[in-house]
Amino acid sequence: MGKEIKRVEAKVKSVKGACSLGHKVGDVVKFTETGVEGKICIHALYSMIPGVFAMMFESQFPWLEDPDKKTHACPDAFNPVVFEITRIREK
């Protein structure tokens, strides 16, 4: 473990096709225990919440190279948006 988790961020890494909400590479959404800051498609949000919640509370995913970063694709197979979900720790 180590330093306490301050928040979890989801950053858009790629967009293929046309995202109906208009997500663009570089967009960031911040998650804390008290809420969500930033614009995010409801479909991407509901599908990533379990992973965000798990990362917020130190869950480990043994297949990840970096235990503090994972990827998540939105459920729209025709216009996928891929997010990188990152734990942000206290400095």
PDB file of N, CA and C in Angstrom:
ATOM      1  N   MET A   1       0.844  -1.171   0.000  1.00  0.00           N
ATOM      2  CA  MET A   1       0.000   0.000   0.000  1.00  0.00           C
ATOM      3  C   MET A   1       0.886   1.228   0.000  1.00  0.00           C
ATOM      4  N   GLY A   2       0.872   2.053   0.948  1.00  0.00           N
ATOM      5  CA  GLY A   2       1.682   3.250   0.920  1.00  0.00           C
ATOM      6  C   GLY A   2       0.843   4.464   1.219  1.00  0.00           C
ATOM      7  N   LYS A   3       0.978   5.452   0.361  1.00  0.00           N
ATOM      8  CA  LYS A   3       0.279   6.719   0.568  1.00  0.00           C
ATOM      9  C   LYS A   3      -1.216   6.563   0.312  1.00  0.00           C
ATOM     10  N   GLU A   4      -1.984   7.308   1.088  1.00  0.00           N
ATOM     11  CA  GLU A   4      -3.447   7.253   1.013  1.00  0.00           C
ATOM     12  C   GLU A   4      -3.961   7.756  -0.336  1.00  0.00           C
ATOM     13  N   ILE A   5      -5.036   7.129  -0.806  1.00  0.00           N
ATOM     14  CA  ILE A   5      -5.639   7.523  -2.079  1.00  0.00           C
ATOM     15  C   ILE A   5      -6.445   8.804  -1.883  1.00  0.00           C
ATOM     16  N   LYS A   6      -6.137   9.800  -2.702  1.00  0.00           N
ATOM     17  CA  LYS A   6      -6.810  11.094  -2.646  1.00  0.00           C
ATOM     18  C   LYS A   6      -8.073  11.087  -3.514  1.00  0.00           C
ATOM     19  N   ARG A   7      -7.958  10.487  -4.718  1.00  0.00           N
ATOM     20  CA  ARG A   7      -9.079  10.400  -5.652  1.00  0.00           C
ATOM     21  C   ARG A   7      -8.723   9.378  -6.730  1.00  0.00           C
ATOM     22  N   VAL A   8      -9.683   9.108  -7.575  1.00  0.00           N
ATOM     23  CA  VAL A   8      -9.465   8.282  -8.756  1.00  0.00           C
ATOM     24  C   VAL A   8      -9.855   9.127  -9.955  1.00  0.00           C
ATOM     25  N   GLU A   9      -9.032   9.099 -10.994  1.00  0.00           N
ATOM     26  CA  GLU A   9      -9.322   9.860 -12.199  1.00  0.00           C
ATOM     27  C   GLU A   9      -9.498   8.928 -13.384  1.00  0.00           C
ATOM     28  N   ALA A  10     -10.413   9.275 -14.265  1.00  0.00           N
ATOM     29  CA  ALA A  10     -10.600   8.564 -15.527  1.00  0.00           C
ATOM     30  C   ALA A  10     -10.284   9.553 -16.644  1.00  0.00           C
ATOM     31  N   LYS A  11      -9.245   9.259 -17.415  1.00  0.00           N
ATOM     32  CA  LYS A  11      -8.807  10.137 -18.502  1.00  0.00           C
ATOM     33  C   LYS A  11      -9.055   9.440 -19.830  1.00  0.00           C
ATOM     34  N   VAL A  12      -9.637  10.165 -20.778  1.00  0.00           N
ATOM     35  CA  VAL A  12      -9.899   9.604 -22.105  1.00  0.00           C
ATOM     36  C   VAL A  12      -8.566   9.416 -22.829  1.00  0.00           C
ATOM     37  N   LYS A  13      -8.297   8.163 -23.214  1.00  0.00           N
ATOM     38  CA  LYS A  13      -7.064   7.829 -23.927  1.00  0.00           C
ATOM     39  C   LYS A  13      -7.286   7.719 -25.433  1.00  0.00           C
ATOM     40  N   SER A  14      -8.476   7.262 -25.840  1.00  0.00           N
ATOM     41  CA  SER A  14      -8.753   7.171 -27.273  1.00  0.00           C
ATOM     42  C   SER A  14     -10.255   7.198 -27.519  1.00  0.00           C
ATOM     43  N   VAL A  15     -10.616   7.668 -28.704  1.00  0.00           N
ATOM     44  CA  VAL A  15     -12.013   7.705 -29.147  1.00  0.00           C
ATOM     45  C   VAL A  15     -12.020   7.214 -30.588  1.00  0.00           C
ATOM     46  N   LYS A  16     -12.834   6.205 -30.869  1.00  0.00           N
ATOM     47  CA  LYS A  16     -12.987   5.715 -32.239  1.00  0.00           C
ATOM     48  C   LYS A  16     -14.443   5.922 -32.628  1.00  0.00           C
ATOM     49  N   GLY A  17     -14.660   6.523 -33.758  1.00  0.00           N
ATOM     50  CA  GLY A  17     -16.028   6.823 -34.163  1.00  0.00           C
ATOM     51  C   GLY A  17     -16.433   8.176 -33.612  1.00  0.00           C
ATOM     52  N   ALA A  18     -17.715   8.306 -33.287  1.00  0.00           N
ATOM     53  CA  ALA A  18     -18.258   9.575 -32.796  1.00  0.00           C
ATOM     54  C   ALA A  18     -18.956   9.346 -31.463  1.00  0.00           C
ATOM     55  N   CYS A  19     -18.361   9.802 -30.399  1.00  0.00           N
ATOM     56  CA  CYS A  19     -18.973   9.707 -29.069  1.00  0.00           C
ATOM     57  C   CYS A  19     -20.162  10.661 -29.018  1.00  0.00           C
ATOM     58  N   SER A  20     -21.321  10.156 -28.625  1.00  0.00           N
ATOM     59  CA  SER A  20     -22.526  10.991 -28.605  1.00  0.00           C
ATOM     60  C   SER A  20     -22.445  12.129 -27.590  1.00  0.00           C
ATOM     61  N   LEU A  21     -21.633  11.963 -26.532  1.00  0.00           N
ATOM     62  CA  LEU A  21     -21.480  13.034 -25.550  1.00  0.00           C
ATOM     63  C   LEU A  21     -20.359  13.997 -25.946  1.00  0.00           C
ATOM     64  N   GLY A  22     -19.509  13.569 -26.857  1.00  0.00           N
ATOM     65  CA  GLY A  22     -18.428  14.438 -27.314  1.00  0.00           C
ATOM     66  C   GLY A  22     -17.139  14.286 -26.541  1.00  0.00           C
ATOM     67  N   HIS A  23     -16.930  13.142 -25.894  1.00  0.00           N
ATOM     68  CA  HIS A  23     -15.658  12.929 -25.200  1.00  0.00           C
ATOM     69  C   HIS A  23     -14.506  13.070 -26.189  1.00  0.00           C
ATOM     70  N   LYS A  24     -13.421  13.682 -25.711  1.00  0.00           N
ATOM     71  CA  LYS A  24     -12.222  13.873 -26.520  1.00  0.00           C
ATOM     72  C   LYS A  24     -11.010  13.390 -25.727  1.00  0.00           C
ATOM     73  N   VAL A  25      -9.979  12.968 -26.458  1.00  0.00           N
ATOM     74  CA  VAL A  25      -8.742  12.531 -25.812  1.00  0.00           C
ATOM     75  C   VAL A  25      -8.257  13.633 -24.877  1.00  0.00           C
ATOM     76  N   GLY A  26      -7.924  13.239 -23.655  1.00  0.00           N
ATOM     77  CA  GLY A  26      -7.445  14.195 -22.657  1.00  0.00           C
ATOM     78  C   GLY A  26      -8.490  14.613 -21.643  1.00  0.00           C
ATOM     79  N   ASP A  27      -9.779  14.408 -21.945  1.00  0.00           N
ATOM     80  CA  ASP A  27     -10.833  14.732 -20.966  1.00  0.00           C
ATOM     81  C   ASP A  27     -10.588  13.942 -19.686  1.00  0.00           C
ATOM     82  N   VAL A  28     -10.810  14.582 -18.531  1.00  0.00           N
ATOM     83  CA  VAL A  28     -10.590  13.935 -17.233  1.00  0.00           C
ATOM     84  C   VAL A  28     -11.829  14.081 -16.366  1.00  0.00           C
ATOM     85  N   VAL A  29     -12.188  12.987 -15.698  1.00  0.00           N
ATOM     86  CA  VAL A  29     -13.268  12.976 -14.713  1.00  0.00           C
ATOM     87  C   VAL A  29     -12.639  12.544 -13.403  1.00  0.00           C
ATOM     88  N   LYS A  30     -12.972  13.254 -12.310  1.00  0.00           N
ATOM     89  CA  LYS A  30     -12.406  12.950 -10.993  1.00  0.00           C
ATOM     90  C   LYS A  30     -13.474  12.365 -10.080  1.00  0.00           C
ATOM     91  N   PHE A  31     -13.109  11.296  -9.375  1.00  0.00           N
ATOM     92  CA  PHE A  31     -14.010  10.614  -8.447  1.00  0.00           C
ATOM     93  C   PHE A  31     -13.420  10.687  -7.042  1.00  0.00           C
ATOM     94  N   THR A  32     -14.245  11.080  -6.067  1.00  0.00           N
ATOM     95  CA  THR A  32     -13.853  11.037  -4.662  1.00  0.00           C
ATOM     96  C   THR A  32     -14.982  10.332  -3.914  1.00  0.00           C
ATOM     97  N   GLU A  33     -14.811  10.173  -2.624  1.00  0.00           N
ATOM     98  CA  GLU A  33     -15.873   9.554  -1.833  1.00  0.00           C
ATOM     99  C   GLU A  33     -17.111  10.435  -1.762  1.00  0.00           C
ATOM    100  N   THR A  34     -16.977  11.712  -2.111  1.00  0.00           N
ATOM    101  CA  THR A  34     -18.113  12.629  -1.997  1.00  0.00           C
ATOM    102  C   THR A  34     -18.756  13.008  -3.322  1.00  0.00           C
ATOM    103  N   GLY A  35     -18.187  12.552  -4.453  1.00  0.00           N
ATOM    104  CA  GLY A  35     -18.833  12.884  -5.706  1.00  0.00           C
ATOM    105  C   GLY A  35     -17.973  12.706  -6.934  1.00  0.00           C
ATOM    106  N   VAL A  36     -18.502  13.232  -8.037  1.00  0.00           N
ATOM    107  CA  VAL A  36     -17.865  13.139  -9.351  1.00  0.00           C
ATOM    108  C   VAL A  36     -17.721  14.549  -9.900  1.00  0.00           C
ATOM    109  N   GLU A  37     -16.526  14.857 -10.421  1.00  0.00           N
ATOM    110  CA  GLU A  37     -16.270  16.177 -10.998  1.00  0.00           C
ATOM    111  C   GLU A  37     -15.885  15.997 -12.463  1.00  0.00           C
ATOM    112  N   GLY A  38     -16.638  16.593 -13.346  1.00  0.00           N
ATOM    113  CA  GLY A  38     -16.344  16.515 -14.769  1.00  0.00           C
ATOM    114  C   GLY A  38     -17.499  15.911 -15.536  1.00  0.00           C
ATOM    115  N   LYS A  39     -17.397  16.002 -16.847  1.00  0.00           N
ATOM    116  CA  LYS A  39     -18.439  15.507 -17.741  1.00  0.00           C
ATOM    117  C   LYS A  39     -18.143  14.056 -18.109  1.00  0.00           C
ATOM    118  N   ILE A  40     -19.158  13.182 -17.961  1.00  0.00           N
ATOM    119  CA  ILE A  40     -18.986  11.790 -18.355  1.00  0.00           C
ATOM    120  C   ILE A  40     -20.319  11.226 -18.839  1.00  0.00           C
ATOM    121  N   CYS A  41     -20.247  10.467 -19.886  1.00  0.00           N
ATOM    122  CA  CYS A  41     -21.417   9.798 -20.453  1.00  0.00           C
ATOM    123  C   CYS A  41     -21.992   8.824 -19.421  1.00  0.00           C
ATOM    124  N   ILE A  42     -23.288   8.814 -19.276  1.00  0.00           N
ATOM    125  CA  ILE A  42     -23.939   7.952 -18.279  1.00  0.00           C
ATOM    126  C   ILE A  42     -23.648   6.474 -18.554  1.00  0.00           C
ATOM    127  N   HIS A  43     -23.507   6.094 -19.812  1.00  0.00           N
ATOM    128  CA  HIS A  43     -23.238   4.690 -20.155  1.00  0.00           C
ATOM    129  C   HIS A  43     -21.821   4.287 -19.744  1.00  0.00           C
ATOM    130  N   ALA A  44     -20.858   5.165 -19.989  1.00  0.00           N
ATOM    131  CA  ALA A  44     -19.490   4.891 -19.548  1.00  0.00           C
ATOM    132  C   ALA A  44     -19.434   4.884 -18.022  1.00  0.00           C
ATOM    133  N   LEU A  45     -20.137   5.826 -17.399  1.00  0.00           N
ATOM    134  CA  LEU A  45     -20.124   5.929 -15.939  1.00  0.00           C
ATOM    135  C   LEU A  45     -20.637   4.661 -15.273  1.00  0.00           C
ATOM    136  N   TYR A  46     -21.830   4.189 -15.685  1.00  0.00           N
ATOM    137  CA  TYR A  46     -22.381   3.015 -14.996  1.00  0.00           C
ATOM    138  C   TYR A  46     -21.506   1.787 -15.199  1.00  0.00           C
ATOM    139  N   SER A  47     -20.816   1.699 -16.331  1.00  0.00           N
ATOM    140  CA  SER A  47     -19.989   0.521 -16.570  1.00  0.00           C
ATOM    141  C   SER A  47     -18.647   0.577 -15.851  1.00  0.00           C
ATOM    142  N   MET A  48     -18.136   1.794 -15.554  1.00  0.00           N
ATOM    143  CA  MET A  48     -16.828   1.885 -14.895  1.00  0.00           C
ATOM    144  C   MET A  48     -16.893   2.016 -13.382  1.00  0.00           C
ATOM    145  N   ILE A  49     -18.063   2.308 -12.822  1.00  0.00           N
ATOM    146  CA  ILE A  49     -18.173   2.520 -11.371  1.00  0.00           C
ATOM    147  C   ILE A  49     -17.612   1.358 -10.542  1.00  0.00           C
ATOM    148  N   PRO A  50     -17.882   0.091 -10.882  1.00  0.00           N
ATOM    149  CA  PRO A  50     -17.285  -0.979 -10.053  1.00  0.00           C
ATOM    150  C   PRO A  50     -15.758  -0.921 -10.003  1.00  0.00           C
ATOM    151  N   GLY A  51     -15.117  -0.642 -11.137  1.00  0.00           N
ATOM    152  CA  GLY A  51     -13.659  -0.543 -11.160  1.00  0.00           C
ATOM    153  C   GLY A  51     -13.153   0.675 -10.416  1.00  0.00           C
ATOM    154  N   VAL A  52     -13.841   1.799 -10.569  1.00  0.00           N
ATOM    155  CA  VAL A  52     -13.454   3.028  -9.856  1.00  0.00           C
ATOM    156  C   VAL A  52     -13.577   2.797  -8.355  1.00  0.00           C
ATOM    157  N   PHE A  53     -14.685   2.223  -7.922  1.00  0.00           N
ATOM    158  CA  PHE A  53     -14.908   1.954  -6.506  1.00  0.00           C
ATOM    159  C   PHE A  53     -13.827   1.016  -5.964  1.00  0.00           C
ATOM    160  N   ALA A  54     -13.525  -0.033  -6.720  1.00  0.00           N
ATOM    161  CA  ALA A  54     -12.491  -0.980  -6.292  1.00  0.00           C
ATOM    162  C   ALA A  54     -11.136  -0.292  -6.159  1.00  0.00           C
ATOM    163  N   MET A  55     -10.790   0.553  -7.110  1.00  0.00           N
ATOM    164  CA  MET A  55      -9.501   1.249  -7.048  1.00  0.00           C
ATOM    165  C   MET A  55      -9.462   2.243  -5.902  1.00  0.00           C
ATOM    166  N   MET A  56     -10.598   2.844  -5.597  1.00  0.00           N
ATOM    167  CA  MET A  56     -10.655   3.809  -4.507  1.00  0.00           C
ATOM    168  C   MET A  56     -10.334   3.149  -3.156  1.00  0.00           C
ATOM    169  N   PHE A  57     -10.609   1.857  -3.052  1.00  0.00           N
ATOM    170  CA  PHE A  57     -10.425   1.162  -1.784  1.00  0.00           C
ATOM    171  C   PHE A  57      -9.357   0.075  -1.842  1.00  0.00           C
ATOM    172  N   GLU A  58      -8.289   0.348  -2.625  1.00  0.00           N
ATOM    173  CA  GLU A  58      -7.066  -0.463  -2.651  1.00  0.00           C
ATOM    174  C   GLU A  58      -7.207  -1.877  -3.210  1.00  0.00           C
ATOM    175  N   SER A  59      -8.265  -2.152  -3.975  1.00  0.00           N
ATOM    176  CA  SER A  59      -8.352  -3.473  -4.595  1.00  0.00           C
ATOM    177  C   SER A  59      -7.159  -3.676  -5.519  1.00  0.00           C
ATOM    178  N   GLN A  60      -6.735  -4.909  -5.629  1.00  0.00           N
ATOM    179  CA  GLN A  60      -5.600  -5.244  -6.477  1.00  0.00           C
ATOM    180  C   GLN A  60      -6.069  -6.083  -7.655  1.00  0.00           C
ATOM    181  N   PHE A  61      -5.542  -5.785  -8.829  1.00  0.00           N
ATOM    182  CA  PHE A  61      -5.828  -6.529 -10.047  1.00  0.00           C
ATOM    183  C   PHE A  61      -4.504  -7.144 -10.486  1.00  0.00           C
ATOM    184  N   PRO A  62      -4.299  -8.441 -10.294  1.00  0.00           N
ATOM    185  CA  PRO A  62      -2.985  -9.048 -10.509  1.00  0.00           C
ATOM    186  C   PRO A  62      -2.477  -8.970 -11.949  1.00  0.00           C
ATOM    187  N   TRP A  63      -3.327  -8.711 -12.920  1.00  0.00           N
ATOM    188  CA  TRP A  63      -2.909  -8.650 -14.314  1.00  0.00           C
ATOM    189  C   TRP A  63      -2.386  -7.279 -14.726  1.00  0.00           C
ATOM    190  N   LEU A  64      -2.500  -6.276 -13.859  1.00  0.00           N
ATOM    191  CA  LEU A  64      -2.035  -4.935 -14.213  1.00  0.00           C
ATOM    192  C   LEU A  64      -0.527  -4.799 -14.025  1.00  0.00           C
ATOM    193  N   GLU A  65       0.140  -4.161 -14.966  1.00  0.00           N
ATOM    194  CA  GLU A  65       1.572  -3.877 -14.809  1.00  0.00           C
ATOM    195  C   GLU A  65       1.780  -2.832 -13.720  1.00  0.00           C
ATOM    196  N   ASP A  66       0.964  -1.779 -13.734  1.00  0.00           N
ATOM    197  CA  ASP A  66       1.005  -0.725 -12.717  1.00  0.00           C
ATOM    198  C   ASP A  66      -0.267  -0.890 -11.886  1.00  0.00           C
ATOM    199  N   PRO A  67      -0.153  -1.234 -10.608  1.00  0.00           N
ATOM    200  CA  PRO A  67      -1.350  -1.488  -9.798  1.00  0.00           C
ATOM    201  C   PRO A  67      -2.251  -0.267  -9.605  1.00  0.00           C
ATOM    202  N   ASP A  68      -1.757   0.927  -9.949  1.00  0.00           N
ATOM    203  CA  ASP A  68      -2.548   2.146  -9.785  1.00  0.00           C
ATOM    204  C   ASP A  68      -3.169   2.638 -11.093  1.00  0.00           C
ATOM    205  N   LYS A  69      -3.062   1.842 -12.180  1.00  0.00           N
ATOM    206  CA  LYS A  69      -3.642   2.249 -13.472  1.00  0.00           C
ATOM    207  C   LYS A  69      -4.285   1.060 -14.153  1.00  0.00           C
ATOM    208  N   LYS A  70      -5.503   1.297 -14.666  1.00  0.00           N
ATOM    209  CA  LYS A  70      -6.179   0.273 -15.455  1.00  0.00           C
ATOM    210  C   LYS A  70      -6.943   0.958 -16.578  1.00  0.00           C
ATOM    211  N   THR A  71      -7.267   0.212 -17.608  1.00  0.00           N
ATOM    212  CA  THR A  71      -8.048   0.790 -18.700  1.00  0.00           C
ATOM    213  C   THR A  71      -9.488   0.299 -18.612  1.00  0.00           C
ATOM    214  N   HIS A  72     -10.358   1.090 -19.227  1.00  0.00           N
ATOM    215  CA  HIS A  72     -11.774   0.738 -19.261  1.00  0.00           C
ATOM    216  C   HIS A  72     -12.364   1.279 -20.561  1.00  0.00           C
ATOM    217  N   ALA A  73     -13.073   0.425 -21.278  1.00  0.00           N
ATOM    218  CA  ALA A  73     -13.732   0.849 -22.509  1.00  0.00           C
ATOM    219  C   ALA A  73     -15.218   1.036 -22.246  1.00  0.00           C
ATOM    220  N   CYS A  74     -15.783   2.090 -22.809  1.00  0.00           N
ATOM    221  CA  CYS A  74     -17.224   2.294 -22.688  1.00  0.00           C
ATOM    222  C   CYS A  74     -17.948   1.155 -23.406  1.00  0.00           C
ATOM    223  N   PRO A  75     -19.210   0.927 -23.109  1.00  0.00           N
ATOM    224  CA  PRO A  75     -19.916  -0.215 -23.691  1.00  0.00           C
ATOM    225  C   PRO A  75     -20.396  -0.031 -25.131  1.00  0.00           C
ATOM    226  N   ASP A  76     -20.159   1.107 -25.761  1.00  0.00           N
ATOM    227  CA  ASP A  76     -20.579   1.327 -27.144  1.00  0.00           C
ATOM    228  C   ASP A  76     -19.557   0.710 -28.090  1.00  0.00           C
ATOM    229  N   ALA A  77     -19.834  -0.479 -28.584  1.00  0.00           N
ATOM    230  CA  ALA A  77     -18.888  -1.208 -29.434  1.00  0.00           C
ATOM    231  C   ALA A  77     -18.643  -0.531 -30.779  1.00  0.00           C
ATOM    232  N   PHE A  78     -19.571   0.305 -31.239  1.00  0.00           N
ATOM    233  CA  PHE A  78     -19.419   0.972 -32.533  1.00  0.00           C
ATOM    234  C   PHE A  78     -18.650   2.287 -32.428  1.00  0.00           C
ATOM    235  N   ASN A  79     -18.640   2.898 -31.251  1.00  0.00           N
ATOM    236  CA  ASN A  79     -17.955   4.174 -31.020  1.00  0.00           C
ATOM    237  C   ASN A  79     -17.223   4.131 -29.683  1.00  0.00           C
ATOM    238  N   PRO A  80     -16.267   3.219 -29.527  1.00  0.00           N
ATOM    239  CA  PRO A  80     -15.653   3.041 -28.202  1.00  0.00           C
ATOM    240  C   PRO A  80     -14.778   4.210 -27.755  1.00  0.00           C
ATOM    241  N   VAL A  81     -14.957   4.559 -26.508  1.00  0.00           N
ATOM    242  CA  VAL A  81     -14.101   5.516 -25.823  1.00  0.00           C
ATOM    243  C   VAL A  81     -13.338   4.705 -24.783  1.00  0.00           C
ATOM    244  N   VAL A  82     -12.018   4.821 -24.786  1.00  0.00           N
ATOM    245  CA  VAL A  82     -11.200   4.088 -23.826  1.00  0.00           C
ATOM    246  C   VAL A  82     -10.658   5.082 -22.806  1.00  0.00           C
ATOM    247  N   PHE A  83     -10.862   4.737 -21.539  1.00  0.00           N
ATOM    248  CA  PHE A  83     -10.411   5.558 -20.415  1.00  0.00           C
ATOM    249  C   PHE A  83      -9.251   4.867 -19.712  1.00  0.00           C
ATOM    250  N   GLU A  84      -8.337   5.652 -19.160  1.00  0.00           N
ATOM    251  CA  GLU A  84      -7.322   5.136 -18.240  1.00  0.00           C
ATOM    252  C   GLU A  84      -7.755   5.580 -16.843  1.00  0.00           C
ATOM    253  N   ILE A  85      -7.991   4.617 -15.971  1.00  0.00           N
ATOM    254  CA  ILE A  85      -8.429   4.902 -14.606  1.00  0.00           C
ATOM    255  C   ILE A  85      -7.205   4.827 -13.701  1.00  0.00           C
ATOM    256  N   THR A  86      -6.951   5.918 -12.963  1.00  0.00           N
ATOM    257  CA  THR A  86      -5.734   6.046 -12.184  1.00  0.00           C
ATOM    258  C   THR A  86      -6.035   6.426 -10.741  1.00  0.00           C
ATOM    259  N   ARG A  87      -5.364   5.751  -9.813  1.00  0.00           N
ATOM    260  CA  ARG A  87      -5.405   6.179  -8.408  1.00  0.00           C
ATOM    261  C   ARG A  87      -4.463   7.364  -8.252  1.00  0.00           C
ATOM    262  N   ILE A  88      -4.958   8.425  -7.628  1.00  0.00           N
ATOM    263  CA  ILE A  88      -4.130   9.591  -7.318  1.00  0.00           C
ATOM    264  C   ILE A  88      -3.901   9.558  -5.820  1.00  0.00           C
ATOM    265  N   ARG A  89      -2.644   9.446  -5.426  1.00  0.00           N
ATOM    266  CA  ARG A  89      -2.308   9.302  -4.002  1.00  0.00           C
ATOM    267  C   ARG A  89      -1.807  10.618  -3.417  1.00  0.00           C
ATOM    268  N   GLU A  90      -1.930  10.733  -2.097  1.00  0.00           N
ATOM    269  CA  GLU A  90      -1.395  11.889  -1.377  1.00  0.00           C
ATOM    270  C   GLU A  90       0.103  11.985  -1.668  1.00  0.00           C
ATOM    271  N   LYS A  91       0.633  13.179  -1.734  1.00  0.00           N
ATOM    272  CA  LYS A  91       2.074  13.362  -1.990  1.00  0.00           C
ATOM    273  C   LYS A  91       2.878  13.269  -0.736  1.00  0.00           C
TER     274      LYS A  91
END
